[in-house]
C-alpha atoms as a PDB file:
ATOM      1  CA  MET A   1      25.939  35.418  77.710  1.00  0.00           C
ATOM      2  CA  ASP A   2      28.202  33.040  79.678  1.00  0.00           C
ATOM      3  CA  LYS A   3      30.868  34.157  82.181  1.00  0.00           C
ATOM      4  CA  GLU A   4      33.778  33.160  79.923  1.00  0.00           C
ATOM      5  CA  GLN A   5      32.693  35.577  77.237  1.00  0.00           C
ATOM      6  CA  ILE A   6      32.014  38.397  79.735  1.00  0.00           C
ATOM      7  CA  ILE A   7      35.556  37.859  81.140  1.00  0.00           C
ATOM      8  CA  LYS A   8      37.007  37.921  77.719  1.00  0.00           C
ATOM      9  CA  PHE A   9      35.292  41.308  77.000  1.00  0.00           C
ATOM     10  CA  LEU A  10      36.367  42.725  80.327  1.00  0.00           C
ATOM     11  CA  ASN A  11      40.012  41.662  79.835  1.00  0.00           C
ATOM     12  CA  GLU A  12      39.971  43.315  76.418  1.00  0.00           C
ATOM     13  CA  ASP A  13      38.745  46.477  78.209  1.00  0.00           C
ATOM     14  CA  ILE A  14      41.518  46.175  80.843  1.00  0.00           C
ATOM     15  CA  GLU A  15      44.110  46.040  78.089  1.00  0.00           C
ATOM     16  CA  SER A  16      42.526  49.161  76.467  1.00  0.00           C
ATOM     17  CA  GLU A  17      42.585  51.052  79.804  1.00  0.00           C
ATOM     18  CA  HIS A  18      46.217  49.923  80.330  1.00  0.00           C
ATOM     19  CA  GLY A  19      47.300  51.339  76.975  1.00  0.00           C
ATOM     20  CA  ALA A  20      45.480  54.626  77.625  1.00  0.00           C
ATOM     21  CA  ILE A  21      47.197  55.013  81.002  1.00  0.00           C
ATOM     22  CA  ILE A  22      50.643  54.756  79.452  1.00  0.00           C
ATOM     23  CA  GLN A  23      49.901  56.866  76.476  1.00  0.00           C
ATOM     24  CA  TYR A  24      48.487  59.670  78.544  1.00  0.00           C
ATOM     25  CA  LEU A  25      51.235  59.547  81.188  1.00  0.00           C
ATOM     26  CA  THR A  26      53.962  59.591  78.492  1.00  0.00           C
ATOM     27  CA  HIS A  27      52.543  62.695  76.842  1.00  0.00           C
ATOM     28  CA  ALA A  28      51.753  64.487  80.111  1.00  0.00           C
ATOM     29  CA  TYR A  29      55.387  64.098  81.206  1.00  0.00           C
ATOM     30  CA  ALA A  30      56.590  65.185  77.747  1.00  0.00           C
ATOM     31  CA  MET A  31      54.610  68.476  78.131  1.00  0.00           C
ATOM     32  CA  GLY A  32      56.477  69.386  81.263  1.00  0.00           C
ATOM     33  CA  GLU A  33      55.091  70.973  84.399  1.00  0.00           C
ATOM     34  CA  GLY A  34      51.844  72.948  84.120  1.00  0.00           C
ATOM     35  CA  GLU A  35      48.123  72.891  84.419  1.00  0.00           C
ATOM     36  CA  LEU A  36      47.427  70.838  81.271  1.00  0.00           C
ATOM     37  CA  SER A  37      49.850  68.064  82.076  1.00  0.00           C
ATOM     38  CA  CYS A  38      48.300  67.884  85.539  1.00  0.00           C
ATOM     39  CA  GLU A  39      44.805  67.605  83.966  1.00  0.00           C
ATOM     40  CA  ILE A  40      46.025  64.791  81.654  1.00  0.00           C
ATOM     41  CA  GLU A  41      47.603  62.878  84.588  1.00  0.00           C
ATOM     42  CA  ALA A  42      44.252  63.145  86.317  1.00  0.00           C
ATOM     43  CA  ILE A  43      42.600  61.472  83.335  1.00  0.00           C
ATOM     44  CA  ALA A  44      45.234  58.738  83.529  1.00  0.00           C
ATOM     45  CA  ARG A  45      44.316  58.191  87.177  1.00  0.00           C
ATOM     46  CA  GLU A  46      40.660  57.830  86.153  1.00  0.00           C
ATOM     47  CA  GLU A  47      41.760  55.185  83.607  1.00  0.00           C
ATOM     48  CA  MET A  48      43.637  53.453  86.370  1.00  0.00           C
ATOM     49  CA  ARG A  49      40.422  53.400  88.442  1.00  0.00           C
ATOM     50  CA  HIS A  50      38.587  51.872  85.467  1.00  0.00           C
ATOM     51  CA  LEU A  51      41.243  49.163  85.129  1.00  0.00           C
ATOM     52  CA  ASP A  52      40.971  48.436  88.863  1.00  0.00           C
ATOM     53  CA  TRP A  53      37.137  48.093  88.713  1.00  0.00           C
ATOM     54  CA  LEU A  54      37.347  45.844  85.636  1.00  0.00           C
ATOM     55  CA  ALA A  55      39.986  43.614  87.155  1.00  0.00           C
ATOM     56  CA  GLU A  56      37.972  43.200  90.346  1.00  0.00           C
ATOM     57  CA  ARG A  57      34.933  42.229  88.320  1.00  0.00           C
ATOM     58  CA  VAL A  58      36.984  39.732  86.337  1.00  0.00           C
ATOM     59  CA  VAL A  59      38.109  38.034  89.582  1.00  0.00           C
ATOM     60  CA  GLU A  60      34.519  38.058  90.862  1.00  0.00           C
ATOM     61  CA  LEU A  61      33.510  36.168  87.769  1.00  0.00           C
ATOM     62  CA  GLY A  62      36.195  33.652  88.294  1.00  0.00           C
ATOM     63  CA  GLY A  63      38.848  34.867  85.865  1.00  0.00           C
ATOM     64  CA  LYS A  64      42.356  36.369  85.987  1.00  0.00           C
ATOM     65  CA  PRO A  65      42.902  39.974  84.891  1.00  0.00           C
ATOM     66  CA  SER A  66      45.014  40.502  81.765  1.00  0.00           C
ATOM     67  CA  LEU A  67      48.419  42.180  82.180  1.00  0.00           C
ATOM     68  CA  THR A  68      48.788  42.836  78.475  1.00  0.00           C
ATOM     69  CA  ARG A  69      49.016  46.511  77.453  1.00  0.00           C
ATOM     70  CA  GLY A  70      46.581  47.391  74.661  1.00  0.00           C
ATOM     71  CA  HIS A  71      46.893  49.592  71.592  1.00  0.00           C
ATOM     72  CA  MET A  72      48.400  53.089  71.979  1.00  0.00           C
ATOM     73  CA  ARG A  73      48.404  55.971  69.506  1.00  0.00           C
ATOM     74  CA  MET A  74      51.929  57.478  69.909  1.00  0.00           C
ATOM     75  CA  GLU A  75      52.395  59.144  66.595  1.00  0.00           C
ATOM     76  CA  GLY A  76      53.197  62.843  66.242  1.00  0.00           C
ATOM     77  CA  THR A  77      55.802  65.193  67.561  1.00  0.00           C
ATOM     78  CA  LEU A  78      53.763  67.994  69.134  1.00  0.00           C
ATOM     79  CA  PRO A  79      51.218  68.123  72.013  1.00  0.00           C
ATOM     80  CA  THR A  80      48.523  68.991  69.522  1.00  0.00           C
ATOM     81  CA  ASP A  81      49.198  65.750  67.690  1.00  0.00           C
ATOM     82  CA  TRP A  82      49.075  63.850  70.994  1.00  0.00           C
ATOM     83  CA  MET A  83      45.805  65.358  71.910  1.00  0.00           C
ATOM     84  CA  LYS A  84      44.316  64.424  68.544  1.00  0.00           C
ATOM     85  CA  ASN A  85      45.488  60.836  69.158  1.00  0.00           C
ATOM     86  CA  ALA A  86      43.955  60.893  72.584  1.00  0.00           C
ATOM     87  CA  VAL A  87      40.577  61.847  71.008  1.00  0.00           C
ATOM     88  CA  LEU A  88      40.926  58.874  68.703  1.00  0.00           C
ATOM     89  CA  LEU A  89      41.882  56.527  71.541  1.00  0.00           C
ATOM     90  CA  GLU A  90      38.874  57.493  73.495  1.00  0.00           C
ATOM     91  CA  GLU A  91      36.723  56.789  70.445  1.00  0.00           C
ATOM     92  CA  ASP A  92      38.604  53.412  70.150  1.00  0.00           C
ATOM     93  CA  ALA A  93      37.409  52.674  73.777  1.00  0.00           C
ATOM     94  CA  MET A  94      33.890  54.037  73.552  1.00  0.00           C
ATOM     95  CA  ALA A  95      32.763  51.854  70.663  1.00  0.00           C
ATOM     96  CA  PRO A  96      33.507  48.464  72.412  1.00  0.00           C
ATOM     97  CA  TYR A  97      31.907  49.669  75.651  1.00  0.00           C
ATOM     98  CA  ARG A  98      28.755  50.638  73.832  1.00  0.00           C
ATOM     99  CA  GLU A  99      28.596  47.309  72.034  1.00  0.00           C
ATOM    100  CA  GLN A 100      29.235  45.288  75.262  1.00  0.00           C
ATOM    101  CA  ILE A 101      26.552  47.134  77.053  1.00  0.00           C
ATOM    102  CA  LYS A 102      24.082  45.957  74.393  1.00  0.00           C
ATOM    103  CA  LEU A 103      25.316  42.366  74.489  1.00  0.00           C
ATOM    104  CA  ILE A 104      25.908  41.660  78.152  1.00  0.00           C
ATOM    105  CA  ASP A 105      22.860  40.713  80.157  1.00  0.00           C
ATOM    106  CA  ASP A 106      24.578  40.564  83.558  1.00  0.00           C
ATOM    107  CA  PRO A 107      23.198  43.661  85.483  1.00  0.00           C
ATOM    108  CA  GLU A 108      26.231  44.332  87.601  1.00  0.00           C
ATOM    109  CA  THR A 109      28.700  44.182  84.717  1.00  0.00           C
ATOM    110  CA  LYS A 110      26.404  46.270  82.520  1.00  0.00           C
ATOM    111  CA  ARG A 111      26.110  48.936  85.192  1.00  0.00           C
ATOM    112  CA  LEU A 112      29.889  49.071  85.577  1.00  0.00           C
ATOM    113  CA  LEU A 113      30.407  49.500  81.807  1.00  0.00           C
ATOM    114  CA  GLN A 114      27.863  52.236  81.693  1.00  0.00           C
ATOM    115  CA  ARG A 115      29.733  54.058  84.430  1.00  0.00           C
ATOM    116  CA  ILE A 116      33.037  53.806  82.692  1.00  0.00           C
ATOM    117  CA  LEU A 117      31.524  54.792  79.299  1.00  0.00           C
ATOM    118  CA  SER A 118      30.300  58.025  80.925  1.00  0.00           C
ATOM    119  CA  ASP A 119      33.887  58.844  81.964  1.00  0.00           C
ATOM    120  CA  GLU A 120      35.245  58.003  78.476  1.00  0.00           C
ATOM    121  CA  GLU A 121      32.670  60.294  76.865  1.00  0.00           C
ATOM    122  CA  ALA A 122      33.776  63.132  79.231  1.00  0.00           C
ATOM    123  CA  HIS A 123      37.454  62.397  78.472  1.00  0.00           C
ATOM    124  CA  HIS A 124      36.694  62.595  74.681  1.00  0.00           C
ATOM    125  CA  GLY A 125      35.317  66.075  75.120  1.00  0.00           C
ATOM    126  CA  MET A 126      38.200  67.246  77.294  1.00  0.00           C
ATOM    127  CA  PHE A 127      40.845  66.016  74.776  1.00  0.00           C
ATOM    128  CA  GLU A 128      38.932  67.787  72.007  1.00  0.00           C
ATOM    129  CA  HIS A 129      39.316  71.001  73.983  1.00  0.00           C
ATOM    130  CA  TYR A 130      42.990  70.193  74.620  1.00  0.00           C
ATOM    131  CA  VAL A 131      43.580  69.954  70.896  1.00  0.00           C
ATOM    132  CA  GLU A 132      42.548  73.554  70.532  1.00  0.00           C
ATOM    133  CA  LYS A 133      44.370  74.729  73.702  1.00  0.00           C
ATOM    134  CA  THR A 134      47.722  73.130  72.751  1.00  0.00           C
ATOM    135  CA  ALA A 135      47.482  74.624  69.296  1.00  0.00           C
ATOM    136  CA  ARG A 136      46.537  78.097  70.593  1.00  0.00           C
ATOM    137  CA  GLU A 137      49.357  78.127  73.109  1.00  0.00           C
ATOM    138  CA  GLY A 138      51.952  76.679  70.717  1.00  0.00           C
ATOM    139  CA  MET A 139      52.901  73.965  73.206  1.00  0.00           C
ATOM    140  CA  THR A 140      56.003  71.820  72.385  1.00  0.00           C
ATOM    141  CA  ASP A 141      57.690  68.622  73.479  1.00  0.00           C
ATOM    142  CA  VAL A 142      59.977  69.525  76.406  1.00  0.00           C
ATOM    143  CA  ARG A 143      61.975  66.329  76.254  1.00  0.00           C
ATOM    144  CA  GLY A 144      65.555  66.449  75.215  1.00  0.00           C
ATOM    145  CA  ASN A 145      67.917  63.909  73.715  1.00  0.00           C
ATOM    146  CA  HIS A 146      70.497  63.811  76.434  1.00  0.00           C
ATOM    147  CA  SER A 147      71.641  60.468  77.629  1.00  0.00           C
ATOM    148  CA  ASP A 148      74.126  59.573  80.439  1.00  0.00           C
ATOM    149  CA  LYS A 149      74.621  57.066  83.148  1.00  0.00           C
ATOM    150  CA  MET A 150      72.197  58.785  85.546  1.00  0.00           C
ATOM    151  CA  ILE A 151      69.450  58.930  82.925  1.00  0.00           C
ATOM    152  CA  GLU A 152      70.018  55.227  82.245  1.00  0.00           C
ATOM    153  CA  THR A 153      69.693  54.565  85.969  1.00  0.00           C
ATOM    154  CA  LEU A 154      66.490  56.611  86.218  1.00  0.00           C
ATOM    155  CA  ASN A 155      65.012  54.772  83.248  1.00  0.00           C
ATOM    156  CA  TRP A 156      65.955  51.478  84.916  1.00  0.00           C
ATOM    157  CA  GLY A 157      63.997  52.749  87.897  1.00  0.00           C
ATOM    158  CA  VAL A 158      60.972  53.622  85.734  1.00  0.00           C
ATOM    159  CA  GLU A 159      61.074  50.108  84.255  1.00  0.00           C
ATOM    160  CA  HIS A 160      61.184  48.589  87.771  1.00  0.00           C
ATOM    161  CA  GLU A 161      58.370  50.826  89.144  1.00  0.00           C
ATOM    162  CA  TYR A 162      56.058  50.061  86.175  1.00  0.00           C
ATOM    163  CA  THR A 163      56.723  46.302  86.581  1.00  0.00           C
ATOM    164  CA  VAL A 164      55.888  46.229  90.361  1.00  0.00           C
ATOM    165  CA  VAL A 165      52.835  48.466  89.897  1.00  0.00           C
ATOM    166  CA  LEU A 166      51.456  45.700  87.590  1.00  0.00           C
ATOM    167  CA  GLN A 167      52.695  42.935  89.884  1.00  0.00           C
ATOM    168  CA  TYR A 168      51.243  44.286  93.133  1.00  0.00           C
ATOM    169  CA  MET A 169      47.913  45.187  91.560  1.00  0.00           C
ATOM    170  CA  PHE A 170      47.624  41.720  89.960  1.00  0.00           C
ATOM    171  CA  GLN A 171      48.452  40.081  93.299  1.00  0.00           C
ATOM    172  CA  SER A 172      46.053  42.338  95.169  1.00  0.00           C
ATOM    173  CA  TYR A 173      43.131  41.072  93.008  1.00  0.00           C
ATOM    174  CA  LEU A 174      43.995  37.375  93.551  1.00  0.00           C
ATOM    175  CA  THR A 175      45.136  37.146  97.222  1.00  0.00           C
ATOM    176  CA  GLU A 176      42.622  35.936  99.768  1.00  0.00           C
ATOM    177  CA  ASN A 177      44.426  37.716 102.628  1.00  0.00           C
ATOM    178  CA  PRO A 178      42.698  41.064 103.345  1.00  0.00           C
ATOM    179  CA  GLU A 179      45.792  42.682 104.905  1.00  0.00           C
ATOM    180  CA  ALA A 180      47.968  41.574 101.913  1.00  0.00           C
ATOM    181  CA  LYS A 181      45.340  42.946  99.532  1.00  0.00           C
ATOM    182  CA  LYS A 182      45.300  46.344 101.271  1.00  0.00           C
ATOM    183  CA  GLN A 183      49.058  46.615 101.530  1.00  0.00           C
ATOM    184  CA  LEU A 184      49.670  45.479  97.962  1.00  0.00           C
ATOM    185  CA  GLU A 185      47.260  48.133  96.795  1.00  0.00           C
ATOM    186  CA  ASP A 186      48.903  50.827  98.989  1.00  0.00           C
ATOM    187  CA  GLN A 187      52.375  49.983  97.804  1.00  0.00           C
ATOM    188  CA  ALA A 188      51.314  49.815  94.113  1.00  0.00           C
ATOM    189  CA  ILE A 189      50.082  53.443  94.526  1.00  0.00           C
ATOM    190  CA  ASN A 190      53.441  54.426  96.065  1.00  0.00           C
ATOM    191  CA  GLU A 191      55.371  52.742  93.280  1.00  0.00           C
ATOM    192  CA  MET A 192      53.318  54.797  90.756  1.00  0.00           C
ATOM    193  CA  GLN A 193      54.446  57.917  92.556  1.00  0.00           C
ATOM    194  CA  HIS A 194      57.970  56.759  92.228  1.00  0.00           C
ATOM    195  CA  LEU A 195      57.501  56.249  88.511  1.00  0.00           C
ATOM    196  CA  GLY A 196      56.239  59.872  88.137  1.00  0.00           C
ATOM    197  CA  TRP A 197      59.101  61.270  90.216  1.00  0.00           C
ATOM    198  CA  LEU A 198      61.652  59.401  88.135  1.00  0.00           C
ATOM    199  CA  ALA A 199      60.102  60.355  84.828  1.00  0.00           C
ATOM    200  CA  GLU A 200      60.049  64.035  85.879  1.00  0.00           C
ATOM    201  CA  ALA A 201      63.682  63.848  86.957  1.00  0.00           C
ATOM    202  CA  ILE A 202      64.544  62.470  83.511  1.00  0.00           C
ATOM    203  CA  ILE A 203      62.684  65.348  81.796  1.00  0.00           C
ATOM    204  CA  ASP A 204      64.495  67.847  84.067  1.00  0.00           C
ATOM    205  CA  SER A 205      67.822  66.277  82.957  1.00  0.00           C
ATOM    206  CA  GLU A 206      66.794  66.711  79.245  1.00  0.00           C
ATOM    207  CA  GLY A 207      66.272  63.029  78.666  1.00  0.00           C
ATOM    208  CA  ILE A 208      63.376  60.818  77.564  1.00  0.00           C
ATOM    209  CA  PRO A 209      61.462  58.620  79.982  1.00  0.00           C
ATOM    210  CA  VAL A 210      61.033  55.092  78.600  1.00  0.00           C
ATOM    211  CA  ILE A 211      57.892  53.628  80.136  1.00  0.00           C
ATOM    212  CA  GLU A 212      58.297  49.897  79.579  1.00  0.00           C
ATOM    213  CA  HIS A 213      58.152  46.967  82.122  1.00  0.00           C
ATOM    214  CA  THR A 214      59.942  43.679  82.500  1.00  0.00           C
ATOM    215  CA  GLU A 215      58.476  40.302  83.344  1.00  0.00           C
ATOM    216  CA  VAL A 216      55.745  40.444  86.050  1.00  0.00           C
ATOM    217  CA  ASP A 217      55.540  37.699  88.749  1.00  0.00           C
ATOM    218  CA  GLN A 218      52.052  36.179  88.442  1.00  0.00           C
ATOM    219  CA  SER A 219      52.003  34.048  91.510  1.00  0.00           C
ATOM    220  CA  THR A 220      48.492  33.220  92.797  1.00  0.00           C
ATOM    221  CA  ASN A 221      49.473  31.867  96.194  1.00  0.00           C
ATOM    222  CA  THR A 222      49.940  34.642  98.814  1.00  0.00           C
ATOM    223  CA  VAL A 223      53.109  33.174 100.291  1.00  0.00           C
ATOM    224  CA  ASP A 224      54.700  32.962  96.807  1.00  0.00           C
ATOM    225  CA  MET A 225      53.614  36.428  96.014  1.00  0.00           C
ATOM    226  CA  LEU A 226      55.169  38.001  99.154  1.00  0.00           C
ATOM    227  CA  ARG A 227      58.366  36.043  98.749  1.00  0.00           C
ATOM    228  CA  ALA A 228      58.761  37.339  95.190  1.00  0.00           C
ATOM    229  CA  ASP A 229      57.921  40.841  96.291  1.00  0.00           C
ATOM    230  CA  ILE A 230      60.409  40.809  99.174  1.00  0.00           C
ATOM    231  CA  ALA A 231      63.133  39.581  96.742  1.00  0.00           C
ATOM    232  CA  ILE A 232      62.568  42.332  94.276  1.00  0.00           C
ATOM    233  CA  GLU A 233      62.239  45.065  96.958  1.00  0.00           C
ATOM    234  CA  LYS A 234      65.565  44.075  98.402  1.00  0.00           C
ATOM    235  CA  LYS A 235      67.299  44.082  95.023  1.00  0.00           C
ATOM    236  CA  VAL A 236      66.021  47.430  94.006  1.00  0.00           C
ATOM    237  CA  ALA A 237      66.654  49.122  97.420  1.00  0.00           C
ATOM    238  CA  ASP A 238      70.298  48.085  97.038  1.00  0.00           C
ATOM    239  CA  ALA A 239      70.362  49.461  93.463  1.00  0.00           C
ATOM    240  CA  TYR A 240      68.854  52.865  94.470  1.00  0.00           C
ATOM    241  CA  ASP A 241      71.338  53.023  97.376  1.00  0.00           C
ATOM    242  CA  LYS A 242      74.286  52.341  95.082  1.00  0.00           C
ATOM    243  CA  ALA A 243      73.080  54.969  92.609  1.00  0.00           C
ATOM    244  CA  ALA A 244      72.653  57.495  95.338  1.00  0.00           C
ATOM    245  CA  ARG A 245      76.172  56.971  96.647  1.00  0.00           C
ATOM    246  CA  GLU A 246      77.631  57.353  93.123  1.00  0.00           C
ATOM    247  CA  THR A 247      76.068  60.772  92.240  1.00  0.00           C
ATOM    248  CA  ASP A 248      77.249  64.224  93.417  1.00  0.00           C
ATOM    249  CA  ASP A 249      73.941  65.831  92.493  1.00  0.00           C
ATOM    250  CA  LYS A 250      72.302  66.764  95.716  1.00  0.00           C
ATOM    251  CA  GLU A 251      68.726  66.685  94.480  1.00  0.00           C
ATOM    252  CA  MET A 252      69.177  63.435  92.579  1.00  0.00           C
ATOM    253  CA  LYS A 253      70.819  61.846  95.676  1.00  0.00           C
ATOM    254  CA  GLU A 254      67.835  62.968  97.889  1.00  0.00           C
ATOM    255  CA  LEU A 255      65.381  61.523  95.323  1.00  0.00           C
ATOM    256  CA  LEU A 256      67.136  58.158  95.080  1.00  0.00           C
ATOM    257  CA  GLU A 257      67.531  57.857  98.871  1.00  0.00           C
ATOM    258  CA  ARG A 258      63.869  58.659  99.373  1.00  0.00           C
ATOM    259  CA  ILE A 259      62.724  56.001  96.947  1.00  0.00           C
ATOM    260  CA  ARG A 260      65.252  53.577  98.550  1.00  0.00           C
ATOM    261  CA  ASP A 261      63.751  54.210 101.950  1.00  0.00           C
ATOM    262  CA  HIS A 262      60.268  53.573 100.625  1.00  0.00           C
ATOM    263  CA  GLU A 263      61.433  50.247  99.152  1.00  0.00           C
ATOM    264  CA  ILE A 264      62.927  49.248 102.423  1.00  0.00           C
ATOM    265  CA  TYR A 265      59.631  50.052 104.070  1.00  0.00           C
ATOM    266  CA  HIS A 266      57.736  47.864 101.511  1.00  0.00           C
ATOM    267  CA  THR A 267      60.063  45.000 102.346  1.00  0.00           C
ATOM    268  CA  GLU A 268      59.336  45.175 106.051  1.00  0.00           C
ATOM    269  CA  VAL A 269      55.539  45.350 105.420  1.00  0.00           C
ATOM    270  CA  PHE A 270      55.635  42.328 103.201  1.00  0.00           C
ATOM    271  CA  LYS A 271      57.800  40.441 105.705  1.00  0.00           C
ATOM    272  CA  GLU A 272      55.328  41.049 108.535  1.00  0.00           C
ATOM    273  CA  ILE A 273      52.438  39.688 106.362  1.00  0.00           C
ATOM    274  CA  LEU A 274      54.488  36.725 105.227  1.00  0.00           C
ATOM    275  CA  LYS A 275      55.258  35.906 108.852  1.00  0.00           C
ATOM    276  CA  ASP A 276      51.600  35.630 109.643  1.00  0.00           C
ATOM    277  CA  GLU A 277      50.831  33.758 106.383  1.00  0.00           C
ATOM    278  CA  GLU A 278      53.461  30.946 106.757  1.00  0.00           C
END
């Protein structure tokens, strides 16, 4: 099998992992704080690891990783419904992995897919158990329908954080600067933390987190990447600062100021790398 076909398969797998990450995070947040939501977030992190491995392999083979989000199964109103959908989503993923393992003759890629398939089979069993657990415990959707200016601001933050997670990871795969790669990976992890904090704050405010992203900068030149990243970090740091000054809620102010300070740090890190790169 030629490289182009392998890259096509791997990018389809990336899209599938991307969809699973967002599906699982959405439902974990909607279940509120607790052991089960933490376990589901842990599964989402494993899917992130799969996406990372697949993207690195695509680049090694001379391709570009897809940023498209794959199919999600979001139907249902109760955690039991969501867990049934997660079982089905894992089955959606396992079948292509099994078929690709048969078709692909590249040993390194085959070995990677076998490793990922092992995780997906384990996830499938875990979600089957969670179907029973959520039904037994009568778990419900803890999200509310409240909406106000602060929830709109927090969802704007979720949208931004999701966007830059994709942007920084994509750039980390393609940059040839080792320090840029490391820092982009680190800051993407930090932005994912922000997304979680913001989503949980929305839940606590009886709102609904909306996990969608805007256009992702797909620069392939490191200087262009860093300039785009610095620009967006400055913009959002100012926005978080403004939102923090406008709220009287002490906990919300502290959250927004903490994220603002992180964004300022990201800006300084990227500036230092850009200075060496130019």
